[in-house]
């Protein structure tokens, strides 16, 4: 129990530091990609990482309750409905944590040659691009069909002394 409290303590401290967390993630990701290009190896690990990141991104963009699966939608349908924040299938902190761990594991696999499976890498790049296009197209169509944007803008705040009727 005590071992679990220490990481949660640090997670709680860095939760509000969104830009710093994602900056650190992208530094790790670019370092990983630099090593892949420099070593000219471990393409399957790179492909698996990008598929994992794509899947996490799609879950991050998806609403928690899918209107296609349920009759009732938690998404507002009209402009006059009460403000409801967009609730994601994968919250931002969980997306960041999973993505960062995936990059760190991918970096660790570069130390072992048995993860360097020989493969013709252009096929993986083409397949990844096609898969990305198809998955994002499906997600965008879902967003258009159910009229939602996966961003929570928050409540409208007015400046002091400004009255809107």
Protein backbone atom coordinates (compact mmCIF):
# COMPACT_ATOMS: atom_id res chain seq x y z
CA UNK A 1 0.00 0.00 0.00
CA UNK A 2 2.79 2.41 0.86
CA UNK A 3 4.50 1.74 -2.48
CA UNK A 4 1.39 2.81 -4.39
CA UNK A 5 1.06 6.08 -2.49
CA UNK A 6 4.42 7.45 -3.61
CA UNK A 7 3.70 7.44 -7.36
CA UNK A 8 0.18 8.81 -6.76
CA UNK A 9 1.71 11.62 -4.70
CA UNK A 10 3.88 12.64 -7.66
CA UNK A 11 1.01 12.22 -10.13
CA UNK A 12 -1.08 14.55 -7.99
CA UNK A 13 1.70 17.14 -8.04
CA UNK A 14 2.18 17.07 -11.82
CA UNK A 15 -1.51 16.81 -12.79
CA UNK A 16 -1.97 20.59 -13.24
CA UNK A 17 1.29 20.88 -15.23
CA UNK A 18 -0.24 19.98 -18.59
CA UNK A 19 2.26 21.75 -20.85
CA UNK A 20 5.27 20.52 -18.90
CA UNK A 21 4.03 16.90 -18.93
CA UNK A 22 3.32 16.87 -22.65
CA UNK A 23 6.60 18.68 -23.40
CA UNK A 24 8.50 15.97 -21.54
CA UNK A 25 6.53 13.31 -23.44
CA UNK A 26 7.38 14.85 -26.83
CA UNK A 27 11.05 15.18 -25.88
CA UNK A 28 11.09 11.44 -25.07
CA UNK A 29 9.21 10.62 -28.27
CA UNK A 30 11.55 12.67 -30.46
CA UNK A 31 14.55 11.10 -28.73
CA UNK A 32 13.12 7.65 -29.45
CA UNK A 33 12.50 8.55 -33.10
CA UNK A 34 16.02 9.98 -33.37
CA UNK A 35 17.46 6.70 -32.08
CA UNK A 36 15.32 4.67 -34.49
CA UNK A 37 16.58 6.73 -37.43
CA UNK A 38 20.18 6.68 -36.20
CA UNK A 39 20.26 2.94 -35.47
CA UNK A 40 18.19 2.02 -38.54
CA UNK A 41 16.62 -0.80 -36.53
CA UNK A 42 13.69 -1.77 -34.28
CA UNK A 43 11.07 -0.70 -36.83
CA UNK A 44 8.49 -3.14 -35.47
CA UNK A 45 8.83 -1.60 -32.00
CA UNK A 46 8.38 1.85 -33.54
CA UNK A 47 5.30 0.68 -35.45
CA UNK A 48 3.79 -0.91 -32.33
CA UNK A 49 4.39 2.29 -30.36
CA UNK A 50 2.68 4.46 -32.98
CA UNK A 51 -0.31 2.07 -33.18
CA UNK A 52 -0.60 2.24 -29.38
CA UNK A 53 -0.41 6.05 -29.45
CA UNK A 54 -3.01 6.22 -32.23
CA UNK A 55 -5.37 3.97 -30.28
CA UNK A 56 -4.94 6.12 -27.16
CA UNK A 57 -5.57 9.29 -29.18
CA UNK A 58 -8.81 7.85 -30.62
CA UNK A 59 -9.97 6.89 -27.12
CA UNK A 60 -9.02 10.39 -25.92
CA UNK A 61 -11.24 11.91 -28.63
CA UNK A 62 -14.16 9.55 -27.94
CA UNK A 63 -17.02 10.35 -25.55
CA UNK A 64 -17.38 8.12 -22.49
CA UNK A 65 -20.89 7.09 -23.45
CA UNK A 66 -21.31 6.39 -27.14
CA UNK A 67 -24.64 7.71 -28.51
CA UNK A 68 -24.58 4.95 -31.15
CA UNK A 69 -24.57 2.25 -28.47
CA UNK A 70 -27.02 3.94 -26.10
CA UNK A 71 -30.33 5.58 -26.88
CA UNK A 72 -29.67 8.41 -24.45
CA UNK A 73 -26.76 10.73 -25.08
CA UNK A 74 -24.76 12.60 -22.48
CA UNK A 75 -23.80 15.08 -25.19
CA UNK A 76 -25.88 18.30 -25.33
CA UNK A 77 -28.22 18.34 -28.32
CA UNK A 78 -29.33 21.96 -28.41
CA UNK A 79 -27.76 25.32 -27.66
CA UNK A 80 -30.13 25.93 -24.74
CA UNK A 81 -29.29 22.76 -22.85
CA UNK A 82 -27.36 23.02 -19.61
CA UNK A 83 -23.57 23.03 -19.96
CA UNK A 84 -22.14 19.53 -19.64
CA UNK A 85 -18.41 19.00 -19.98
CA UNK A 86 -17.12 16.51 -22.50
CA UNK A 87 -16.34 13.29 -20.64
CA UNK A 88 -13.76 11.15 -22.42
CA UNK A 89 -13.29 7.40 -22.63
CA UNK A 90 -9.64 8.02 -21.80
CA UNK A 91 -8.94 11.07 -19.60
CA UNK A 92 -6.03 13.33 -20.50
CA UNK A 93 -3.85 12.30 -17.54
CA UNK A 94 -4.37 8.59 -18.25
CA UNK A 95 -3.57 9.20 -21.94
CA UNK A 96 -0.36 11.03 -21.01
CA UNK A 97 0.67 8.42 -18.45
CA UNK A 98 0.05 5.48 -20.79
CA UNK A 99 1.78 7.21 -23.69
CA UNK A 100 4.82 8.15 -21.61
CA UNK A 101 5.17 4.63 -20.22
CA UNK A 102 4.87 3.23 -23.76
CA UNK A 103 7.69 5.48 -25.00
CA UNK A 104 9.87 4.54 -22.02
CA UNK A 105 9.27 0.82 -22.65
CA UNK A 106 10.02 1.36 -26.34
CA UNK A 107 13.26 3.10 -25.43
CA UNK A 108 14.17 0.14 -23.19
CA UNK A 109 13.60 -2.32 -26.06
CA UNK A 110 16.33 -0.57 -28.04
CA UNK A 111 18.83 -2.10 -25.63
CA UNK A 112 17.97 -5.64 -26.77
CA UNK A 113 18.74 -6.95 -30.23
CA UNK A 114 16.02 -9.64 -30.17
CA UNK A 115 13.42 -6.86 -30.52
CA UNK A 116 15.04 -5.90 -33.83
CA UNK A 117 12.86 -8.01 -36.10
CA UNK A 118 13.83 -7.70 -39.76
CA UNK A 119 11.04 -6.05 -41.70
CA UNK A 120 10.64 -3.90 -44.80
CA UNK A 121 9.85 -0.62 -43.04
CA UNK A 122 8.12 1.25 -45.93
CA UNK A 123 5.27 -1.28 -45.75
CA UNK A 124 4.80 -0.45 -42.06
CA UNK A 125 4.79 3.28 -42.79
CA UNK A 126 2.19 2.92 -45.56
CA UNK A 127 0.03 0.62 -43.44
CA UNK A 128 0.23 3.01 -40.48
CA UNK A 129 -0.75 6.00 -42.67
CA UNK A 130 -3.74 4.13 -44.13
CA UNK A 131 -4.81 2.94 -40.68
CA UNK A 132 -4.49 6.47 -39.26
CA UNK A 133 -6.53 7.94 -42.10
CA UNK A 134 -9.31 5.36 -41.74
CA UNK A 135 -9.52 5.58 -37.94
CA UNK A 136 -9.49 9.38 -37.84
CA UNK A 137 -12.03 9.60 -40.66
CA UNK A 138 -14.35 7.30 -38.71
CA UNK A 139 -13.87 9.39 -35.55
CA UNK A 140 -14.50 12.68 -37.36
CA UNK A 141 -17.65 11.26 -38.98
CA UNK A 142 -18.84 10.21 -35.51
CA UNK A 143 -18.16 13.73 -34.20
CA UNK A 144 -20.09 15.31 -37.09
CA UNK A 145 -23.00 12.85 -36.82
CA UNK A 146 -23.45 13.51 -33.09
CA UNK A 147 -22.47 17.20 -33.27
CA UNK A 148 -19.78 17.32 -30.62
CA UNK A 149 -16.28 18.68 -30.32
CA UNK A 150 -13.99 16.79 -27.94
CA UNK A 151 -12.89 19.98 -26.22
CA UNK A 152 -14.31 21.38 -23.01
CA UNK A 153 -14.38 25.12 -23.39
CA UNK A 154 -15.84 25.62 -19.92
CA UNK A 155 -18.51 28.01 -18.83
CA UNK A 156 -18.71 31.42 -20.44
CA UNK A 157 -17.07 33.98 -18.16
CA UNK A 158 -17.82 37.66 -18.46
CA UNK A 159 -15.53 40.55 -17.62
CA UNK A 160 -16.30 42.60 -14.56
CA UNK A 161 -19.10 45.06 -15.23
CA UNK A 162 -20.18 43.35 -18.46
CA UNK A 163 -23.82 42.30 -18.54
CA UNK A 164 -25.23 40.09 -21.27
CA UNK A 165 -28.94 39.68 -21.83
